[in-house]
Amino acid sequence: QSARVRREVITDQTPEPASALGIGDGHAPYSLDTLAVINRLSAPQRVCLKLWSEGYRFEEIARLTDLPAGSVRSHIQNGKLRFGALWGTRT
């Protein structure tokens, strides 16, 4: 699995579409509604949530993304909360 993960600088100014993160590319059955909400998350939240959903531990995600483990935990927690809020407000 590690070979599939791209190491890159993650910033809010350079958002990545979900397809670039491997979300919805045949590895997981995400609906278009789900992808639309995922794409509204910040880049670090998308990356951390994707890796976490694939079974990576916080420490592994931190190593792969060059983020502190505490930041990874925050991105995952805040990403889940933001996803829930965005999911509830979609039309």
PDB file of N, CA and C in Angstrom:
ATOM      1  N   GLN A   1       0.807  -1.196   0.000  1.00  0.00           N
ATOM      2  CA  GLN A   1       0.000   0.000   0.000  1.00  0.00           C
ATOM      3  C   GLN A   1       0.849   1.259   0.000  1.00  0.00           C
ATOM      4  N   SER A   2       1.937   1.256   0.709  1.00  0.00           N
ATOM      5  CA  SER A   2       2.764   2.441   0.826  1.00  0.00           C
ATOM      6  C   SER A   2       3.256   2.940  -0.523  1.00  0.00           C
ATOM      7  N   ALA A   3       3.479   2.035  -1.452  1.00  0.00           N
ATOM      8  CA  ALA A   3       3.988   2.431  -2.760  1.00  0.00           C
ATOM      9  C   ALA A   3       2.985   3.283  -3.515  1.00  0.00           C
ATOM     10  N   ARG A   4       1.690   3.124  -3.223  1.00  0.00           N
ATOM     11  CA  ARG A   4       0.663   3.889  -3.916  1.00  0.00           C
ATOM     12  C   ARG A   4       0.537   5.307  -3.383  1.00  0.00           C
ATOM     13  N   VAL A   5       1.050   5.546  -2.214  1.00  0.00           N
ATOM     14  CA  VAL A   5       0.891   6.855  -1.589  1.00  0.00           C
ATOM     15  C   VAL A   5       1.949   7.801  -2.128  1.00  0.00           C
ATOM     16  N   ARG A   6       1.519   8.945  -2.645  1.00  0.00           N
ATOM     17  CA  ARG A   6       2.455   9.939  -3.149  1.00  0.00           C
ATOM     18  C   ARG A   6       2.815  10.884  -2.023  1.00  0.00           C
ATOM     19  N   ARG A   7       4.087  11.147  -1.889  1.00  0.00           N
ATOM     20  CA  ARG A   7       4.538  12.129  -0.906  1.00  0.00           C
ATOM     21  C   ARG A   7       4.561  13.470  -1.598  1.00  0.00           C
ATOM     22  N   GLU A   8       3.881  14.433  -1.039  1.00  0.00           N
ATOM     23  CA  GLU A   8       3.832  15.745  -1.640  1.00  0.00           C
ATOM     24  C   GLU A   8       3.529  16.781  -0.579  1.00  0.00           C
ATOM     25  N   VAL A   9       3.786  18.017  -0.916  1.00  0.00           N
ATOM     26  CA  VAL A   9       3.468  19.114  -0.010  1.00  0.00           C
ATOM     27  C   VAL A   9       1.970  19.316  -0.053  1.00  0.00           C
ATOM     28  N   ILE A  10       1.383  19.405   1.115  1.00  0.00           N
ATOM     29  CA  ILE A  10      -0.061  19.562   1.215  1.00  0.00           C
ATOM     30  C   ILE A  10      -0.358  20.970   1.694  1.00  0.00           C
ATOM     31  N   THR A  11      -1.090  21.716   0.892  1.00  0.00           N
ATOM     32  CA  THR A  11      -1.492  23.055   1.302  1.00  0.00           C
ATOM     33  C   THR A  11      -2.937  23.275   0.931  1.00  0.00           C
ATOM     34  N   ASP A  12      -3.587  24.193   1.616  1.00  0.00           N
ATOM     35  CA  ASP A  12      -4.967  24.536   1.298  1.00  0.00           C
ATOM     36  C   ASP A  12      -5.034  25.293  -0.026  1.00  0.00           C
ATOM     37  N   GLN A  13      -3.943  25.900  -0.454  1.00  0.00           N
ATOM     38  CA  GLN A  13      -3.947  26.662  -1.687  1.00  0.00           C
ATOM     39  C   GLN A  13      -3.883  25.761  -2.920  1.00  0.00           C
ATOM     40  N   THR A  14      -3.484  24.517  -2.746  1.00  0.00           N
ATOM     41  CA  THR A  14      -3.404  23.611  -3.888  1.00  0.00           C
ATOM     42  C   THR A  14      -4.296  22.405  -3.652  1.00  0.00           C
ATOM     43  N   PRO A  15      -5.605  22.611  -3.728  1.00  0.00           N
ATOM     44  CA  PRO A  15      -6.510  21.485  -3.480  1.00  0.00           C
ATOM     45  C   PRO A  15      -6.384  20.438  -4.573  1.00  0.00           C
ATOM     46  N   GLU A  16      -6.625  19.201  -4.199  1.00  0.00           N
ATOM     47  CA  GLU A  16      -6.562  18.104  -5.146  1.00  0.00           C
ATOM     48  C   GLU A  16      -7.961  17.531  -5.295  1.00  0.00           C
ATOM     49  N   PRO A  17      -8.357  17.217  -6.513  1.00  0.00           N
ATOM     50  CA  PRO A  17      -9.646  16.548  -6.663  1.00  0.00           C
ATOM     51  C   PRO A  17      -9.588  15.165  -6.047  1.00  0.00           C
ATOM     52  N   ALA A  18     -10.726  14.665  -5.661  1.00  0.00           N
ATOM     53  CA  ALA A  18     -10.768  13.348  -5.030  1.00  0.00           C
ATOM     54  C   ALA A  18     -10.159  12.280  -5.920  1.00  0.00           C
ATOM     55  N   SER A  19     -10.312  12.409  -7.238  1.00  0.00           N
ATOM     56  CA  SER A  19      -9.763  11.392  -8.133  1.00  0.00           C
ATOM     57  C   SER A  19      -8.247  11.324  -8.041  1.00  0.00           C
ATOM     58  N   ALA A  20      -7.575  12.456  -7.779  1.00  0.00           N
ATOM     59  CA  ALA A  20      -6.123  12.454  -7.656  1.00  0.00           C
ATOM     60  C   ALA A  20      -5.680  11.734  -6.397  1.00  0.00           C
ATOM     61  N   LEU A  21      -6.566  11.634  -5.430  1.00  0.00           N
ATOM     62  CA  LEU A  21      -6.240  10.951  -4.181  1.00  0.00           C
ATOM     63  C   LEU A  21      -6.632   9.481  -4.225  1.00  0.00           C
ATOM     64  N   GLY A  22      -7.166   9.036  -5.352  1.00  0.00           N
ATOM     65  CA  GLY A  22      -7.582   7.647  -5.449  1.00  0.00           C
ATOM     66  C   GLY A  22      -8.966   7.410  -4.897  1.00  0.00           C
ATOM     67  N   ILE A  23      -9.692   8.460  -4.565  1.00  0.00           N
ATOM     68  CA  ILE A  23     -11.046   8.302  -4.050  1.00  0.00           C
ATOM     69  C   ILE A  23     -11.969   8.201  -5.248  1.00  0.00           C
ATOM     70  N   GLY A  24     -12.755   7.155  -5.304  1.00  0.00           N
ATOM     71  CA  GLY A  24     -13.689   6.982  -6.387  1.00  0.00           C
ATOM     72  C   GLY A  24     -13.052   6.435  -7.655  1.00  0.00           C
ATOM     73  N   ASP A  25     -11.851   5.879  -7.565  1.00  0.00           N
ATOM     74  CA  ASP A  25     -11.175   5.368  -8.754  1.00  0.00           C
ATOM     75  C   ASP A  25     -11.296   3.851  -8.885  1.00  0.00           C
ATOM     76  N   GLY A  26     -12.316   3.301  -8.270  1.00  0.00           N
ATOM     77  CA  GLY A  26     -12.500   1.861  -8.336  1.00  0.00           C
ATOM     78  C   GLY A  26     -12.048   1.155  -7.074  1.00  0.00           C
ATOM     79  N   HIS A  27     -11.339   1.859  -6.198  1.00  0.00           N
ATOM     80  CA  HIS A  27     -10.895   1.252  -4.943  1.00  0.00           C
ATOM     81  C   HIS A  27     -11.986   1.297  -3.879  1.00  0.00           C
ATOM     82  N   ALA A  28     -12.910   2.225  -3.999  1.00  0.00           N
ATOM     83  CA  ALA A  28     -14.013   2.327  -3.044  1.00  0.00           C
ATOM     84  C   ALA A  28     -15.231   2.852  -3.795  1.00  0.00           C
ATOM     85  N   PRO A  29     -16.396   2.349  -3.469  1.00  0.00           N
ATOM     86  CA  PRO A  29     -17.603   2.742  -4.190  1.00  0.00           C
ATOM     87  C   PRO A  29     -18.218   4.040  -3.645  1.00  0.00           C
ATOM     88  N   TYR A  30     -17.635   5.188  -3.980  1.00  0.00           N
ATOM     89  CA  TYR A  30     -18.155   6.459  -3.508  1.00  0.00           C
ATOM     90  C   TYR A  30     -19.156   7.007  -4.511  1.00  0.00           C
ATOM     91  N   SER A  31     -20.263   7.539  -4.003  1.00  0.00           N
ATOM     92  CA  SER A  31     -21.250   8.151  -4.874  1.00  0.00           C
ATOM     93  C   SER A  31     -20.779   9.542  -5.280  1.00  0.00           C
ATOM     94  N   LEU A  32     -21.405  10.105  -6.298  1.00  0.00           N
ATOM     95  CA  LEU A  32     -21.061  11.464  -6.723  1.00  0.00           C
ATOM     96  C   LEU A  32     -21.346  12.469  -5.617  1.00  0.00           C
ATOM     97  N   ASP A  33     -22.411  12.257  -4.840  1.00  0.00           N
ATOM     98  CA  ASP A  33     -22.706  13.144  -3.707  1.00  0.00           C
ATOM     99  C   ASP A  33     -21.571  13.106  -2.687  1.00  0.00           C
ATOM    100  N   THR A  34     -21.091  11.903  -2.393  1.00  0.00           N
ATOM    101  CA  THR A  34     -20.003  11.753  -1.430  1.00  0.00           C
ATOM    102  C   THR A  34     -18.741  12.435  -1.943  1.00  0.00           C
ATOM    103  N   LEU A  35     -18.424  12.231  -3.218  1.00  0.00           N
ATOM    104  CA  LEU A  35     -17.236  12.858  -3.805  1.00  0.00           C
ATOM    105  C   LEU A  35     -17.337  14.377  -3.782  1.00  0.00           C
ATOM    106  N   ALA A  36     -18.525  14.914  -4.027  1.00  0.00           N
ATOM    107  CA  ALA A  36     -18.718  16.367  -4.007  1.00  0.00           C
ATOM    108  C   ALA A  36     -18.429  16.918  -2.620  1.00  0.00           C
ATOM    109  N   VAL A  37     -18.858  16.213  -1.580  1.00  0.00           N
ATOM    110  CA  VAL A  37     -18.598  16.666  -0.205  1.00  0.00           C
ATOM    111  C   VAL A  37     -17.121  16.499   0.129  1.00  0.00           C
ATOM    112  N   ILE A  38     -16.524  15.388  -0.239  1.00  0.00           N
ATOM    113  CA  ILE A  38     -15.100  15.155   0.025  1.00  0.00           C
ATOM    114  C   ILE A  38     -14.251  16.251  -0.609  1.00  0.00           C
ATOM    115  N   ASN A  39     -14.607  16.643  -1.823  1.00  0.00           N
ATOM    116  CA  ASN A  39     -13.839  17.673  -2.531  1.00  0.00           C
ATOM    117  C   ASN A  39     -13.928  19.041  -1.868  1.00  0.00           C
ATOM    118  N   ARG A  40     -14.871  19.242  -0.973  1.00  0.00           N
ATOM    119  CA  ARG A  40     -14.993  20.514  -0.265  1.00  0.00           C
ATOM    120  C   ARG A  40     -14.149  20.556   1.005  1.00  0.00           C
ATOM    121  N   LEU A  41     -13.559  19.433   1.391  1.00  0.00           N
ATOM    122  CA  LEU A  41     -12.664  19.404   2.548  1.00  0.00           C
ATOM    123  C   LEU A  41     -11.323  19.996   2.151  1.00  0.00           C
ATOM    124  N   SER A  42     -10.560  20.430   3.145  1.00  0.00           N
ATOM    125  CA  SER A  42      -9.213  20.932   2.852  1.00  0.00           C
ATOM    126  C   SER A  42      -8.346  19.776   2.362  1.00  0.00           C
ATOM    127  N   ALA A  43      -7.287  20.111   1.640  1.00  0.00           N
ATOM    128  CA  ALA A  43      -6.383  19.083   1.113  1.00  0.00           C
ATOM    129  C   ALA A  43      -5.820  18.184   2.224  1.00  0.00           C
ATOM    130  N   PRO A  44      -5.337  18.742   3.342  1.00  0.00           N
ATOM    131  CA  PRO A  44      -4.817  17.859   4.389  1.00  0.00           C
ATOM    132  C   PRO A  44      -5.902  16.944   4.966  1.00  0.00           C
ATOM    133  N   GLN A  45      -7.123  17.469   5.105  1.00  0.00           N
ATOM    134  CA  GLN A  45      -8.211  16.631   5.611  1.00  0.00           C
ATOM    135  C   GLN A  45      -8.509  15.487   4.651  1.00  0.00           C
ATOM    136  N   ARG A  46      -8.560  15.776   3.349  1.00  0.00           N
ATOM    137  CA  ARG A  46      -8.835  14.729   2.355  1.00  0.00           C
ATOM    138  C   ARG A  46      -7.766  13.647   2.394  1.00  0.00           C
ATOM    139  N   VAL A  47      -6.510  14.068   2.398  1.00  0.00           N
ATOM    140  CA  VAL A  47      -5.407  13.098   2.371  1.00  0.00           C
ATOM    141  C   VAL A  47      -5.404  12.250   3.644  1.00  0.00           C
ATOM    142  N   CYS A  48      -5.498  12.892   4.793  1.00  0.00           N
ATOM    143  CA  CYS A  48      -5.461  12.159   6.064  1.00  0.00           C
ATOM    144  C   CYS A  48      -6.658  11.225   6.204  1.00  0.00           C
ATOM    145  N   LEU A  49      -7.847  11.701   5.833  1.00  0.00           N
ATOM    146  CA  LEU A  49      -9.038  10.853   5.923  1.00  0.00           C
ATOM    147  C   LEU A  49      -8.944   9.660   4.979  1.00  0.00           C
ATOM    148  N   LYS A  50      -8.424   9.879   3.780  1.00  0.00           N
ATOM    149  CA  LYS A  50      -8.299   8.775   2.827  1.00  0.00           C
ATOM    150  C   LYS A  50      -7.363   7.700   3.376  1.00  0.00           C
ATOM    151  N   LEU A  51      -6.204   8.122   3.846  1.00  0.00           N
ATOM    152  CA  LEU A  51      -5.244   7.150   4.378  1.00  0.00           C
ATOM    153  C   LEU A  51      -5.809   6.443   5.602  1.00  0.00           C
ATOM    154  N   TRP A  52      -6.477   7.189   6.476  1.00  0.00           N
ATOM    155  CA  TRP A  52      -7.080   6.610   7.676  1.00  0.00           C
ATOM    156  C   TRP A  52      -8.153   5.597   7.282  1.00  0.00           C
ATOM    157  N   SER A  53      -8.967   5.932   6.278  1.00  0.00           N
ATOM    158  CA  SER A  53     -10.024   5.014   5.842  1.00  0.00           C
ATOM    159  C   SER A  53      -9.450   3.750   5.209  1.00  0.00           C
ATOM    160  N   GLU A  54      -8.217   3.823   4.707  1.00  0.00           N
ATOM    161  CA  GLU A  54      -7.555   2.652   4.144  1.00  0.00           C
ATOM    162  C   GLU A  54      -6.877   1.798   5.211  1.00  0.00           C
ATOM    163  N   GLY A  55      -6.937   2.243   6.463  1.00  0.00           N
ATOM    164  CA  GLY A  55      -6.406   1.441   7.547  1.00  0.00           C
ATOM    165  C   GLY A  55      -5.054   1.862   8.088  1.00  0.00           C
ATOM    166  N   TYR A  56      -4.511   2.960   7.576  1.00  0.00           N
ATOM    167  CA  TYR A  56      -3.239   3.441   8.101  1.00  0.00           C
ATOM    168  C   TYR A  56      -3.433   4.002   9.509  1.00  0.00           C
ATOM    169  N   ARG A  57      -2.431   3.817  10.362  1.00  0.00           N
ATOM    170  CA  ARG A  57      -2.449   4.375  11.718  1.00  0.00           C
ATOM    171  C   ARG A  57      -1.967   5.824  11.660  1.00  0.00           C
ATOM    172  N   PHE A  58      -2.292   6.590  12.706  1.00  0.00           N
ATOM    173  CA  PHE A  58      -1.911   8.003  12.763  1.00  0.00           C
ATOM    174  C   PHE A  58      -0.417   8.197  12.511  1.00  0.00           C
ATOM    175  N   GLU A  59       0.394   7.363  13.140  1.00  0.00           N
ATOM    176  CA  GLU A  59       1.840   7.503  13.008  1.00  0.00           C
ATOM    177  C   GLU A  59       2.300   7.239  11.575  1.00  0.00           C
ATOM    178  N   GLU A  60       1.673   6.263  10.920  1.00  0.00           N
ATOM    179  CA  GLU A  60       2.018   5.972   9.528  1.00  0.00           C
ATOM    180  C   GLU A  60       1.630   7.136   8.612  1.00  0.00           C
ATOM    181  N   ILE A  61       0.454   7.702   8.853  1.00  0.00           N
ATOM    182  CA  ILE A  61      -0.001   8.837   8.053  1.00  0.00           C
ATOM    183  C   ILE A  61       0.935  10.020   8.253  1.00  0.00           C
ATOM    184  N   ALA A  62       1.349  10.231   9.492  1.00  0.00           N
ATOM    185  CA  ALA A  62       2.284  11.328   9.785  1.00  0.00           C
ATOM    186  C   ALA A  62       3.587  11.140   9.016  1.00  0.00           C
ATOM    187  N   ARG A  63       4.092   9.935   8.993  1.00  0.00           N
ATOM    188  CA  ARG A  63       5.340   9.655   8.278  1.00  0.00           C
ATOM    189  C   ARG A  63       5.157   9.852   6.770  1.00  0.00           C
ATOM    190  N   LEU A  64       4.050   9.385   6.224  1.00  0.00           N
ATOM    191  CA  LEU A  64       3.813   9.479   4.781  1.00  0.00           C
ATOM    192  C   LEU A  64       3.565  10.909   4.302  1.00  0.00           C
ATOM    193  N   THR A  65       2.980  11.726   5.161  1.00  0.00           N
ATOM    194  CA  THR A  65       2.618  13.090   4.760  1.00  0.00           C
ATOM    195  C   THR A  65       3.573  14.149   5.291  1.00  0.00           C
ATOM    196  N   ASP A  66       4.532  13.752   6.113  1.00  0.00           N
ATOM    197  CA  ASP A  66       5.451  14.691   6.760  1.00  0.00           C
ATOM    198  C   ASP A  66       4.709  15.702   7.633  1.00  0.00           C
ATOM    199  N   LEU A  67       3.608  15.274   8.218  1.00  0.00           N
ATOM    200  CA  LEU A  67       2.863  16.098   9.163  1.00  0.00           C
ATOM    201  C   LEU A  67       3.077  15.530  10.569  1.00  0.00           C
ATOM    202  N   PRO A  68       3.035  16.382  11.595  1.00  0.00           N
ATOM    203  CA  PRO A  68       3.102  15.862  12.967  1.00  0.00           C
ATOM    204  C   PRO A  68       1.888  14.973  13.255  1.00  0.00           C
ATOM    205  N   ALA A  69       2.067  13.949  14.075  1.00  0.00           N
ATOM    206  CA  ALA A  69       0.977  13.024  14.397  1.00  0.00           C
ATOM    207  C   ALA A  69      -0.233  13.761  14.976  1.00  0.00           C
ATOM    208  N   GLY A  70       0.019  14.780  15.789  1.00  0.00           N
ATOM    209  CA  GLY A  70      -1.079  15.564  16.352  1.00  0.00           C
ATOM    210  C   GLY A  70      -1.880  16.279  15.280  1.00  0.00           C
ATOM    211  N   SER A  71      -1.188  16.764  14.258  1.00  0.00           N
ATOM    212  CA  SER A  71      -1.879  17.427  13.140  1.00  0.00           C
ATOM    213  C   SER A  71      -2.706  16.423  12.353  1.00  0.00           C
ATOM    214  N   VAL A  72      -2.177  15.218  12.180  1.00  0.00           N
ATOM    215  CA  VAL A  72      -2.920  14.171  11.481  1.00  0.00           C
ATOM    216  C   VAL A  72      -4.215  13.875  12.230  1.00  0.00           C
ATOM    217  N   ARG A  73      -4.110  13.718  13.544  1.00  0.00           N
ATOM    218  CA  ARG A  73      -5.313  13.456  14.353  1.00  0.00           C
ATOM    219  C   ARG A  73      -6.328  14.587  14.195  1.00  0.00           C
ATOM    220  N   SER A  74      -5.853  15.824  14.228  1.00  0.00           N
ATOM    221  CA  SER A  74      -6.739  16.985  14.075  1.00  0.00           C
ATOM    222  C   SER A  74      -7.387  17.013  12.701  1.00  0.00           C
ATOM    223  N   HIS A  75      -6.598  16.748  11.655  1.00  0.00           N
ATOM    224  CA  HIS A  75      -7.153  16.754  10.298  1.00  0.00           C
ATOM    225  C   HIS A  75      -8.228  15.683  10.145  1.00  0.00           C
ATOM    226  N   ILE A  76      -8.008  14.526  10.725  1.00  0.00           N
ATOM    227  CA  ILE A  76      -8.996  13.448  10.639  1.00  0.00           C
ATOM    228  C   ILE A  76     -10.248  13.815  11.417  1.00  0.00           C
ATOM    229  N   GLN A  77     -10.075  14.276  12.650  1.00  0.00           N
ATOM    230  CA  GLN A  77     -11.226  14.630  13.476  1.00  0.00           C
ATOM    231  C   GLN A  77     -12.014  15.779  12.845  1.00  0.00           C
ATOM    232  N   ASN A  78     -11.320  16.839  12.451  1.00  0.00           N
ATOM    233  CA  ASN A  78     -11.996  17.989  11.865  1.00  0.00           C
ATOM    234  C   ASN A  78     -12.589  17.654  10.498  1.00  0.00           C
ATOM    235  N   GLY A  79     -11.916  16.806   9.743  1.00  0.00           N
ATOM    236  CA  GLY A  79     -12.440  16.380   8.449  1.00  0.00           C
ATOM    237  C   GLY A  79     -13.730  15.595   8.600  1.00  0.00           C
ATOM    238  N   LYS A  80     -13.780  14.710   9.597  1.00  0.00           N
ATOM    239  CA  LYS A  80     -15.012  13.953   9.832  1.00  0.00           C
ATOM    240  C   LYS A  80     -16.146  14.881  10.249  1.00  0.00           C
ATOM    241  N   LEU A  81     -15.840  15.838  11.122  1.00  0.00           N
ATOM    242  CA  LEU A  81     -16.869  16.788  11.561  1.00  0.00           C
ATOM    243  C   LEU A  81     -17.351  17.653  10.406  1.00  0.00           C
ATOM    244  N   ARG A  82     -16.407  18.156   9.612  1.00  0.00           N
ATOM    245  CA  ARG A  82     -16.777  19.001   8.472  1.00  0.00           C
ATOM    246  C   ARG A  82     -17.545  18.207   7.426  1.00  0.00           C
ATOM    247  N   PHE A  83     -17.134  16.969   7.178  1.00  0.00           N
ATOM    248  CA  PHE A  83     -17.859  16.129   6.237  1.00  0.00           C
ATOM    249  C   PHE A  83     -19.312  15.976   6.693  1.00  0.00           C
ATOM    250  N   GLY A  84     -19.497  15.691   7.976  1.00  0.00           N
ATOM    251  CA  GLY A  84     -20.862  15.522   8.509  1.00  0.00           C
ATOM    252  C   GLY A  84     -21.690  16.779   8.358  1.00  0.00           C
ATOM    253  N   ALA A  85     -21.073  17.929   8.639  1.00  0.00           N
ATOM    254  CA  ALA A  85     -21.793  19.193   8.516  1.00  0.00           C
ATOM    255  C   ALA A  85     -22.145  19.476   7.052  1.00  0.00           C
ATOM    256  N   LEU A  86     -21.180  19.259   6.154  1.00  0.00           N
ATOM    257  CA  LEU A  86     -21.425  19.494   4.730  1.00  0.00           C
ATOM    258  C   LEU A  86     -22.441  18.508   4.173  1.00  0.00           C
ATOM    259  N   TRP A  87     -22.378  17.277   4.617  1.00  0.00           N
ATOM    260  CA  TRP A  87     -23.305  16.259   4.154  1.00  0.00           C
ATOM    261  C   TRP A  87     -24.751  16.634   4.523  1.00  0.00           C
ATOM    262  N   GLY A  88     -24.914  17.181   5.713  1.00  0.00           N
ATOM    263  CA  GLY A  88     -26.241  17.563   6.177  1.00  0.00           C
ATOM    264  C   GLY A  88     -26.811  18.784   5.476  1.00  0.00           C
ATOM    265  N   THR A  89     -25.956  19.591   4.847  1.00  0.00           N
ATOM    266  CA  THR A  89     -26.435  20.821   4.209  1.00  0.00           C
ATOM    267  C   THR A  89     -26.492  20.712   2.692  1.00  0.00           C
ATOM    268  N   ARG A  90     -26.151  19.558   2.135  1.00  0.00           N
ATOM    269  CA  ARG A  90     -26.165  19.460   0.668  1.00  0.00           C
ATOM    270  C   ARG A  90     -27.610  19.484   0.178  1.00  0.00           C
ATOM    271  N   THR A  91     -27.781  19.988  -1.045  1.00  0.00           N
ATOM    272  CA  THR A  91     -29.149  20.092  -1.592  1.00  0.00           C
ATOM    273  C   THR A  91     -29.363  19.159  -2.751  1.00  0.00           C
TER     274      THR A  91
END
